[in-house]
Amino acid sequence: MMPTRVYSFRLFTSGLLIAFLGTLSTAQARRAPKESGSTTTVVIDAGHGGYDRGGIPGQRVSEKEMTLDVAQRLKKVLASNGYRVVMTRDSDVFVPLGTRVAIANNYPNAIFVSVHFNSAKRTGAGGIETYFYSHDSLPLASAIHYYVAGGAPSSNRNVRRRGYYVLRKTSIPAVLVECGFLTNPTEAALAQTASYRQKLAEEIAAGVRGRNTVASARSTTRVATGESIPLQPYIDQTRVAKSKGRRSKRSHKKTTRRKKSSSKPAKSEAKTASKGQEG
């Protein structure tokens, strides 16, 4: 009888241990989403929309459709990682820039990611660019650019600082990522495949997750470790934009002195300015 009692006792204690470990595992699983970023809100801005097709006149691939698709895919990836996601638009509608900024600023502890594709008159132009304005946004821009440019077959056009409206007016860390040129035949063909748009969404999401591992902007060494993302060097285009403005004013004065002037350059300039506001 004694061996049977000992055996029963061992079974009982083993059952308690298994139950305890199961409870512990469940508790850890419940904590995991919080640790992966569920307290962080990401405002995703799909560029253009509605009557604003994006790109340049005569462009075959619609930018507004590509940006919305990538933004919706990004929403799903981030939501599955425990993030709270807010969309400035979730359908083919036009949202003014001021409204986009107001939505972003309504979430003081959030980050803002604006998704765009580039365009140029020269079909050979290509590559990935990431823009920021506030220096508090540089780590986020660095992380997103690190993954998107690193995961794309396109050239790296670097991180750039520029005063786009949605970057200049937001009070939270904000970036605008240009996911390639839709006027470049190779990059346009890639953008039109669902698998590549999914990859872009996943790379942007990786940048969002990795933004806190970017080497500090105040670091003197800026040496990346296996657990950190190097702070990206950037091209400051804020002064370039101002100098262009001064040149255009001088140019305008010269034009008004002429007896004959064409209205086409002025229209073209207006389109460029509109493109510059939103990317």
Protein backbone atom coordinates (compact mmCIF):
# COMPACT_ATOMS: atom_id res chain seq x y z
CA MET A 1 0.00 0.00 0.00
CA MET A 2 2.84 2.40 0.77
CA PRO A 3 4.26 2.57 -2.75
CA THR A 4 0.78 3.32 -4.14
CA ARG A 5 0.36 6.28 -1.77
CA VAL A 6 3.75 7.68 -2.71
CA TYR A 7 2.93 7.35 -6.40
CA SER A 8 -0.43 9.14 -5.91
CA PHE A 9 1.27 11.95 -4.00
CA ARG A 10 3.80 12.43 -6.80
CA LEU A 11 1.01 12.61 -9.38
CA PHE A 12 -0.79 15.20 -7.24
CA THR A 13 2.29 17.42 -6.85
CA SER A 14 3.10 17.11 -10.55
CA GLY A 15 -0.43 18.26 -11.39
CA LEU A 16 -0.03 21.30 -9.15
CA LEU A 17 3.29 22.20 -10.80
CA ILE A 18 1.83 21.93 -14.30
CA ALA A 19 -1.16 24.07 -13.29
CA PHE A 20 1.18 26.69 -11.78
CA LEU A 21 3.38 26.84 -14.88
CA GLY A 22 0.30 27.10 -17.08
CA THR A 23 -0.99 30.05 -15.04
CA LEU A 24 2.42 31.74 -15.19
CA SER A 25 2.62 31.31 -18.97
CA THR A 26 -0.86 32.78 -19.39
CA ALA A 27 0.08 35.80 -17.29
CA GLN A 28 3.23 36.36 -19.32
CA ALA A 29 1.27 36.10 -22.56
CA ARG A 30 -1.16 38.73 -21.33
CA ARG A 31 1.68 41.10 -20.49
CA ALA A 32 3.45 40.64 -23.84
CA PRO A 33 1.17 42.88 -25.97
CA LYS A 34 1.66 45.75 -23.51
CA GLU A 35 5.41 45.39 -23.71
CA SER A 36 5.34 45.31 -27.52
CA GLY A 37 3.87 48.79 -27.79
CA SER A 38 0.11 48.69 -27.11
CA THR A 39 0.35 52.03 -25.27
CA THR A 40 1.75 53.74 -28.37
CA THR A 41 -0.59 55.37 -30.87
CA VAL A 42 0.51 55.59 -34.49
CA VAL A 43 -1.26 58.07 -36.75
CA ILE A 44 -0.93 56.80 -40.34
CA ASP A 45 -1.40 59.34 -43.10
CA ALA A 46 -2.03 58.00 -46.62
CA GLY A 47 -0.92 60.81 -48.91
CA HIS A 48 -3.33 62.56 -51.30
CA GLY A 49 -6.82 61.11 -51.98
CA GLY A 50 -10.09 62.07 -53.61
CA TYR A 51 -9.58 64.59 -56.41
CA ASP A 52 -5.91 64.90 -55.40
CA ARG A 53 -4.40 62.04 -57.40
CA GLY A 54 -0.82 62.90 -56.47
CA GLY A 55 2.24 62.75 -58.69
CA ILE A 56 2.74 64.82 -61.83
CA PRO A 57 0.45 65.45 -64.83
CA GLY A 58 0.25 62.45 -67.14
CA GLN A 59 1.52 60.01 -64.52
CA ARG A 60 0.11 56.57 -65.28
CA VAL A 61 0.17 55.02 -61.79
CA SER A 62 -2.04 56.80 -59.28
CA GLU A 63 -0.13 57.76 -56.14
CA LYS A 64 -3.27 58.10 -53.99
CA GLU A 65 -4.15 54.43 -54.57
CA MET A 66 -0.66 53.16 -53.76
CA THR A 67 -0.37 55.21 -50.57
CA LEU A 68 -3.76 54.08 -49.27
CA ASP A 69 -2.99 50.42 -49.91
CA VAL A 70 0.37 50.59 -48.11
CA ALA A 71 -1.18 52.58 -45.24
CA GLN A 72 -3.96 50.01 -44.77
CA ARG A 73 -1.45 47.17 -44.78
CA LEU A 74 0.70 49.08 -42.28
CA LYS A 75 -2.36 49.51 -40.07
CA LYS A 76 -2.89 45.73 -39.95
CA VAL A 77 0.77 44.99 -39.20
CA LEU A 78 0.99 47.53 -36.38
CA ALA A 79 -2.37 46.52 -34.90
CA SER A 80 -1.23 42.90 -34.80
CA ASN A 81 1.82 44.09 -32.86
CA GLY A 82 -0.34 45.74 -30.20
CA TYR A 83 -0.25 49.35 -31.40
CA ARG A 84 -3.26 51.63 -31.43
CA VAL A 85 -3.68 52.91 -35.00
CA VAL A 86 -5.45 56.04 -36.21
CA MET A 87 -5.88 56.72 -39.94
CA THR A 88 -6.17 60.23 -41.38
CA ARG A 89 -8.07 58.59 -44.25
CA ASP A 90 -9.16 55.00 -44.74
CA SER A 91 -10.81 55.42 -48.14
CA ASP A 92 -10.44 57.43 -51.35
CA VAL A 93 -11.37 60.82 -49.94
CA PHE A 94 -9.61 64.18 -49.90
CA VAL A 95 -8.43 65.29 -46.46
CA PRO A 96 -6.98 68.84 -46.18
CA LEU A 97 -3.48 69.13 -44.76
CA GLY A 98 -4.76 71.11 -41.79
CA THR A 99 -7.17 68.32 -40.90
CA ARG A 100 -4.41 65.73 -41.12
CA VAL A 101 -2.29 67.77 -38.72
CA ALA A 102 -5.24 68.31 -36.38
CA ILE A 103 -5.85 64.56 -36.20
CA ALA A 104 -2.17 63.94 -35.38
CA ASN A 105 -2.03 66.66 -32.73
CA ASN A 106 -5.11 65.21 -31.04
CA TYR A 107 -2.88 62.36 -29.78
CA PRO A 108 -0.06 63.99 -27.78
CA ASN A 109 1.80 60.73 -27.06
CA ALA A 110 1.56 59.40 -30.62
CA ILE A 111 3.86 59.31 -33.63
CA PHE A 112 2.89 60.35 -37.16
CA VAL A 113 3.85 58.46 -40.34
CA SER A 114 2.89 59.90 -43.72
CA VAL A 115 3.12 57.44 -46.64
CA HIS A 116 3.95 58.75 -50.12
CA PHE A 117 5.47 57.79 -53.45
CA ASN A 118 7.71 60.08 -55.47
CA SER A 119 7.58 61.31 -59.07
CA ALA A 120 9.80 63.17 -61.52
CA LYS A 121 9.83 64.19 -65.15
CA ARG A 122 13.01 62.14 -65.61
CA THR A 123 12.02 58.47 -65.70
CA GLY A 124 15.48 57.43 -64.51
CA ALA A 125 14.98 59.13 -61.12
CA GLY A 126 14.47 56.56 -58.37
CA GLY A 127 15.12 55.63 -54.77
CA ILE A 128 13.82 55.89 -51.22
CA GLU A 129 13.69 59.15 -49.25
CA THR A 130 12.51 59.83 -45.70
CA TYR A 131 11.71 63.34 -44.49
CA PHE A 132 11.48 64.91 -41.04
CA TYR A 133 11.47 68.46 -39.67
CA SER A 134 11.64 68.50 -35.87
CA HIS A 135 14.89 67.12 -34.48
CA ASP A 136 12.79 65.03 -32.08
CA SER A 137 11.59 63.22 -35.21
CA LEU A 138 15.08 62.25 -36.42
CA PRO A 139 15.26 58.92 -34.51
CA LEU A 140 11.91 57.86 -36.01
CA ALA A 141 13.03 58.95 -39.49
CA SER A 142 16.33 57.11 -39.03
CA ALA A 143 14.66 53.87 -38.00
CA ILE A 144 12.04 53.87 -40.76
CA HIS A 145 14.58 54.81 -43.42
CA TYR A 146 17.02 52.19 -42.14
CA TYR A 147 14.48 49.43 -42.77
CA VAL A 148 12.67 50.71 -45.87
CA ALA A 149 15.81 51.70 -47.79
CA GLY A 150 17.59 48.57 -46.56
CA GLY A 151 14.79 46.28 -47.66
CA ALA A 152 14.09 47.86 -51.06
CA PRO A 153 16.00 47.13 -54.28
CA SER A 154 15.92 50.88 -55.03
CA SER A 155 18.74 53.32 -54.35
CA ASN A 156 19.09 55.12 -51.03
CA ARG A 157 18.32 58.83 -51.41
CA ASN A 158 18.95 59.45 -47.71
CA VAL A 159 17.09 61.11 -44.87
CA ARG A 160 16.20 64.73 -45.54
CA ARG A 161 15.07 67.60 -43.33
CA ARG A 162 12.41 69.70 -44.98
CA GLY A 163 9.48 71.83 -43.88
CA TYR A 164 6.55 69.95 -45.40
CA TYR A 165 3.32 71.19 -43.85
CA VAL A 166 2.38 67.89 -42.16
CA LEU A 167 5.87 67.70 -40.62
CA ARG A 168 6.25 71.35 -39.66
CA LYS A 169 2.85 71.71 -38.02
CA THR A 170 2.66 68.46 -36.05
CA SER A 171 3.54 68.61 -32.37
CA ILE A 172 4.53 64.92 -32.19
CA PRO A 173 7.41 63.00 -33.83
CA ALA A 174 6.51 62.94 -37.53
CA VAL A 175 8.04 61.57 -40.72
CA LEU A 176 7.12 61.39 -44.39
CA VAL A 177 8.47 58.38 -46.27
CA GLU A 178 8.71 58.37 -50.08
CA CYS A 179 8.49 54.69 -51.04
CA GLY A 180 9.95 55.03 -54.54
CA PHE A 181 9.24 56.80 -57.83
CA LEU A 182 6.04 55.89 -59.66
CA THR A 183 7.47 57.57 -62.74
CA ASN A 184 10.35 55.09 -62.74
CA PRO A 185 9.25 52.02 -64.77
CA THR A 186 11.03 49.54 -62.49
CA GLU A 187 9.84 51.04 -59.21
CA ALA A 188 6.32 51.58 -60.56
CA ALA A 189 6.12 47.92 -61.56
CA LEU A 190 7.19 46.90 -58.05
CA ALA A 191 4.69 49.24 -56.39
CA GLN A 192 1.87 47.67 -58.36
CA THR A 193 2.50 44.24 -56.85
CA ALA A 194 0.69 43.40 -53.60
CA SER A 195 3.72 41.53 -52.25
CA TYR A 196 5.96 44.59 -52.54
CA ARG A 197 3.39 46.90 -50.95
CA GLN A 198 3.12 44.40 -48.11
CA LYS A 199 6.91 44.42 -47.76
CA LEU A 200 6.93 48.22 -47.61
CA ALA A 201 4.31 48.12 -44.85
CA GLU A 202 6.33 45.57 -42.87
CA GLU A 203 9.56 47.56 -43.23
CA ILE A 204 7.86 50.77 -42.07
CA ALA A 205 6.40 48.86 -39.13
CA ALA A 206 9.87 47.54 -38.27
CA GLY A 207 11.08 51.14 -38.18
CA VAL A 208 8.24 52.14 -35.87
CA ARG A 209 9.09 49.26 -33.52
CA GLY A 210 12.81 50.05 -33.64
CA ARG A 211 12.62 53.82 -33.16
CA ASN A 212 13.66 53.58 -29.50
CA THR A 213 16.84 51.66 -30.36
CA VAL A 214 18.29 54.39 -32.59
CA ALA A 215 21.65 55.70 -31.37
CA SER A 216 21.14 58.94 -29.48
CA ALA A 217 21.44 62.18 -31.43
CA ARG A 218 23.66 63.44 -28.59
CA SER A 219 26.00 60.46 -28.82
CA THR A 220 29.58 61.36 -29.72
CA THR A 221 30.49 57.92 -31.06
CA ARG A 222 27.33 57.07 -33.06
CA VAL A 223 28.53 53.48 -33.25
CA ALA A 224 25.73 50.97 -33.74
CA THR A 225 25.63 47.79 -31.71
CA GLY A 226 23.83 44.59 -32.54
CA GLU A 227 20.77 45.90 -30.68
CA SER A 228 20.73 49.46 -32.04
CA ILE A 229 20.00 51.28 -35.29
CA PRO A 230 22.55 53.88 -36.39
CA LEU A 231 21.38 57.47 -36.43
CA GLN A 232 21.14 58.36 -40.12
CA PRO A 233 22.97 61.39 -41.51
CA TYR A 234 20.59 63.81 -43.19
CA ILE A 235 20.49 66.45 -45.90
CA ASP A 236 19.09 69.75 -44.64
CA GLN A 237 16.83 71.14 -47.35
CA THR A 238 15.14 73.79 -45.25
CA ARG A 239 17.53 76.50 -46.42
CA VAL A 240 17.43 75.28 -50.02
CA ALA A 241 13.67 75.80 -50.09
CA LYS A 242 14.08 79.37 -48.83
CA SER A 243 16.75 80.22 -51.38
CA LYS A 244 14.50 78.88 -54.13
CA GLY A 245 11.78 81.16 -52.88
CA ARG A 246 14.09 84.17 -53.06
CA ARG A 247 15.14 83.25 -56.59
CA SER A 248 11.55 82.87 -57.71
CA LYS A 249 10.73 86.36 -56.37
CA ARG A 250 13.60 87.88 -58.34
CA SER A 251 12.54 85.88 -61.35
CA HIS A 252 8.99 87.14 -60.97
CA LYS A 253 10.18 90.76 -60.92
CA LYS A 254 12.13 90.22 -64.12
CA THR A 255 9.15 88.56 -65.76
CA THR A 256 6.78 91.44 -64.98
CA ARG A 257 9.14 93.85 -66.75
CA ARG A 258 8.81 91.93 -69.97
CA LYS A 259 6.10 92.89 -72.44
CA LYS A 260 5.21 89.30 -73.27
CA SER A 261 5.08 86.54 -70.71
CA SER A 262 3.63 83.04 -70.71
CA SER A 263 1.23 81.87 -67.99
CA LYS A 264 2.50 78.28 -68.21
CA PRO A 265 5.55 78.70 -65.93
CA ALA A 266 3.36 80.21 -63.22
CA LYS A 267 0.96 77.27 -63.37
CA SER A 268 3.82 74.82 -63.25
CA GLU A 269 5.29 76.63 -60.24
CA ALA A 270 1.96 76.44 -58.43
CA LYS A 271 1.79 72.68 -58.97
CA THR A 272 5.34 72.32 -57.65
CA ALA A 273 4.45 74.31 -54.54
CA SER A 274 1.37 72.15 -53.96
CA LYS A 275 3.47 69.00 -54.33
CA GLY A 276 6.03 70.42 -51.93
CA GLN A 277 3.41 70.89 -49.21
CA GLU A 278 2.34 67.29 -49.07
CA GLY A 279 5.20 65.38 -50.64
